[in-house]
Amino acid sequence: MKIVNLLFILVFSVCFSQENNIFERLTALKNNGKIWYNIDGYSVTSEVFSNTFDEKGLKKVFRKHQISDSDAKVKDNQINFNNLLVTKQQKVAADFSQTNHYYFVENPDKTITVVWFIKIGKTDQETEEKLVNAIMEKKVPEENFSPMSISSINFAGRKIELGNGCYWTSINIVQCPYAGEMNWSVHRTLDDAKEAVENQFNITKSKKMGKVVSEEMVDIEFEGVPVKAKKILYDFTGVAGVLAGMSGGKNLTVYYVAAVVRDKNVSCVMSYWNNDEINPETKLPALLGKLMSVK
């Protein structure tokens, strides 16, 4: 097993000297033995394995995560438990890769917790370390957890009633049949929020499942905040349309937004199909109408 000692070089700046309160940005969801987290555009999972934290046990868990003997295993001294960190890059589109950070951490009973961070764009090691320590020390507040069955959501500090029929498709991704879909994240900085929505747009565009019919910047009011949003109209036809439009829609309208909402840096992508139920007054389906208005 290849193990490398990690040397930390601490660089202090105005940005990173600010308090990094991860719980103000964190949401969590328990599902099928795993816990899912969303923060700063990361998708994070934590899972406990019964394997022992030794060479034999770690090899089995590494294999489950497609980590080879040649991948560098690094000890992170900012984690308050014995651990190994593995970093891997994975291509998700022609010009885009995601960063995978795997923290293999020894539990008090000598078993293994794996905390897996996935992000496209810039990563933040301090935030990762804070979250790993909070998970291992069981310090994530209960109010940060969302129920699997949702009639309402906590959206950047505001409770939004959804009614019946909406469901999670992943952490911080809500789908309401014939009423729209949204995904969002709360970020440490507004620049990170802007990068997140731009990356999401560019990756969707690069996969070429749908044709971009129009692309424009429009004025909207998002959670009471006047802001510019990128509005894209995609056309899905043929096989791609069948795969993408499970509801039978052929055209998808998407709004990409990054804004400061209630002192929180929020990235949000909202979409609806042409056959969704559109409110004639707002010109939006019900879910989007709860978050934004078109000027």
Foldseek 3Di string as FASTA:
>chain_A
DAEDEDDDDDDDDPLVVDDDDQLLFKAWEDDDQWIWIFALQKTKIKHWDQFFPDPVSVVVVCVVVVHDPPFYWYFDPLAPFTWTWTWDWADLFDPWIKIWIWIWGQAPVRTTMIMIIIHTDDDDVVSVRVVNNCVRVVNNDPVSYDYQADQWDQDSNDIGGNHPQWGDPGVQWIDHVLQWIKHKGWYSDLVSLVVSLVVVVVSVVRVPQWDWPDWDWFWKQFLNRTDIWIKTKTFHDDPSQVVPPVVPAGIKIKTWDWDQHPNITMTMIMMHGPRRDADPVQRHGDVVVRTMGGD
